[in-house]
Protein backbone atom coordinates (compact mmCIF):
# COMPACT_ATOMS: atom_id res chain seq x y z
CA MET A 1 -1.86 -13.32 -28.56
CA SER A 2 0.67 -15.93 -27.62
CA GLY A 3 1.19 -18.06 -24.58
CA PHE A 4 -1.80 -17.17 -22.40
CA SER A 5 -5.55 -17.29 -22.04
CA ILE A 6 -7.90 -15.18 -19.96
CA GLU A 7 -9.81 -17.53 -17.65
CA GLU A 8 -11.96 -15.00 -15.77
CA VAL A 9 -12.50 -11.24 -15.51
CA ARG A 10 -14.06 -9.69 -12.41
CA SER A 11 -14.84 -6.07 -11.59
CA CYS A 12 -13.67 -4.91 -8.19
CA ALA A 13 -13.47 -1.63 -6.25
CA ARG A 14 -10.08 -0.67 -7.73
CA GLY A 15 -10.68 -1.77 -11.32
CA ARG A 16 -10.79 -5.11 -13.13
CA LEU A 17 -9.07 -8.33 -12.00
CA TYR A 18 -7.95 -10.76 -14.71
CA SER A 19 -7.29 -14.42 -13.94
CA ILE A 20 -4.90 -15.72 -16.57
CA ASN A 21 -3.39 -19.04 -17.51
CA ALA A 22 0.08 -18.26 -18.86
CA ARG A 23 2.03 -21.29 -20.03
CA GLY A 24 0.40 -23.47 -17.41
CA GLU A 25 0.80 -20.96 -14.58
CA ARG A 26 -2.29 -19.27 -13.12
CA ILE A 27 -1.79 -15.59 -12.33
CA SER A 28 -4.01 -12.63 -11.44
CA VAL A 29 -3.40 -9.12 -12.79
CA LEU A 30 -5.31 -6.04 -11.62
CA PHE A 31 -5.95 -3.17 -14.05
CA LEU A 32 -6.75 0.01 -12.10
CA HIS A 33 -9.65 2.18 -13.32
CA HIS A 34 -7.16 4.75 -14.64
CA ALA A 35 -5.33 2.08 -16.63
CA LEU A 36 -8.61 0.85 -18.14
CA GLU A 37 -9.37 4.42 -19.25
CA ARG A 38 -5.92 4.63 -20.89
CA VAL A 39 -6.41 1.30 -22.66
CA GLN A 40 -9.51 2.81 -24.28
CA LYS A 41 -7.86 6.18 -24.96
CA TRP A 42 -5.02 4.55 -26.89
CA SER A 43 -7.35 2.01 -28.62
CA LEU A 44 -5.38 -0.90 -27.23
CA ALA A 45 -6.75 -4.39 -26.71
CA GLU A 46 -6.62 -5.59 -23.11
CA GLU A 47 -5.00 -8.79 -24.44
CA GLN A 48 -2.25 -6.66 -26.00
CA VAL A 49 -1.54 -5.02 -22.65
CA LEU A 50 -1.55 -8.41 -20.87
CA GLU A 51 0.86 -9.76 -23.49
CA THR A 52 3.14 -6.78 -22.81
CA LEU A 53 3.06 -7.43 -19.06
CA LEU A 54 3.56 -11.20 -19.29
CA PHE A 55 5.91 -11.42 -22.28
CA PRO A 56 7.73 -8.07 -22.52
CA GLU A 57 10.70 -7.38 -24.74
CA GLU A 58 12.22 -5.46 -21.84
CA VAL A 59 11.31 -4.23 -18.36
CA VAL A 60 12.94 -1.14 -16.88
CA THR A 61 12.70 0.34 -13.41
CA GLY A 62 10.27 3.22 -12.96
CA HIS A 63 9.74 5.62 -10.05
CA GLY A 64 9.37 4.21 -6.57
CA LYS A 65 8.64 0.52 -6.69
CA ARG A 66 7.20 0.56 -10.19
CA TYR A 67 8.32 -1.21 -13.33
CA ILE A 68 7.74 -0.39 -17.00
CA ALA A 69 7.17 -3.23 -19.46
CA HIS A 70 7.81 -2.57 -23.16
CA ARG A 71 6.63 -4.52 -26.18
CA ARG A 72 6.80 -3.19 -29.73
CA TYR A 73 3.78 -3.20 -32.04
CA GLU A 74 3.13 -1.72 -35.46
CA GLY A 75 6.85 -1.28 -36.07
CA SER A 76 7.34 2.23 -34.75
CA HIS A 77 5.28 2.11 -31.52
CA LEU A 78 5.41 0.23 -28.26
CA VAL A 79 3.02 -0.52 -25.45
CA ARG A 80 4.49 1.03 -22.32
CA ALA A 81 2.78 -0.58 -19.30
CA ILE A 82 3.59 0.86 -15.86
CA TYR A 83 2.92 -1.55 -13.03
CA GLU A 84 3.65 -2.25 -9.37
CA TYR A 85 2.80 -5.03 -6.96
CA ASP A 86 0.15 -5.28 -4.28
CA GLY A 87 1.60 -8.20 -2.37
CA SER A 88 2.26 -10.70 -5.15
CA THR A 89 -0.40 -9.34 -7.53
CA PRO A 90 0.81 -7.21 -10.44
CA VAL A 91 -1.21 -3.97 -10.66
CA LEU A 92 -1.33 -2.05 -13.94
CA VAL A 93 -1.21 1.64 -13.00
CA THR A 94 -1.27 3.17 -16.48
CA VAL A 95 -0.42 2.39 -20.08
CA TYR A 96 0.28 4.33 -23.26
CA PHE A 97 1.42 3.82 -26.87
CA PRO A 98 4.37 6.11 -27.71
CA TYR A 99 6.96 5.90 -30.45
CA ALA A 100 9.41 3.11 -29.67
CA GLU A 101 12.46 5.26 -30.49
CA ARG A 102 11.73 7.44 -27.46
CA TYR A 103 11.76 4.69 -24.81
CA PHE A 104 12.88 1.32 -26.20
CA GLN A 105 16.36 0.48 -24.94
CA GLY A 106 17.10 -2.38 -27.32
CA GLY A 107 15.45 -5.28 -25.48
CA GLU A 108 16.81 -7.96 -23.18
CA VAL A 109 16.85 -5.68 -20.10
CA PHE A 110 14.68 -7.27 -17.41
CA GLU A 111 14.53 -5.48 -14.06
CA ASP A 112 11.48 -7.66 -13.28
CA LYS A 113 9.55 -10.58 -14.81
CA ILE A 114 5.99 -11.14 -13.62
CA LEU A 115 5.95 -14.82 -14.56
CA GLU A 116 9.25 -15.57 -12.81
CA ARG A 117 8.45 -14.06 -9.41
CA GLY A 118 8.24 -16.57 -6.63
């Protein structure tokens, strides 16, 4: 995976908290228990999901105050990571691995960027 390293992983009441160094910036990302179950269900690597969140090809607006990060893998599929914020901490709500043609909008649409939030 490019551009980041996982510095620490801690279990907490809501799931698993990742401390990440991404291009010199330290950031925490919380994966909820449900999201961790979906990572396993879809046989995704946690690093793949983190890469999608931190370096997406596009981010679209979801329901409420949620965002959906997309990153294509294996040509015809994409990781679709649905997240929101708890204060300034990104929280992965769920993730899945559908066909890209169903959801990918062509890239370069960024309704949000985790690494560029102040």
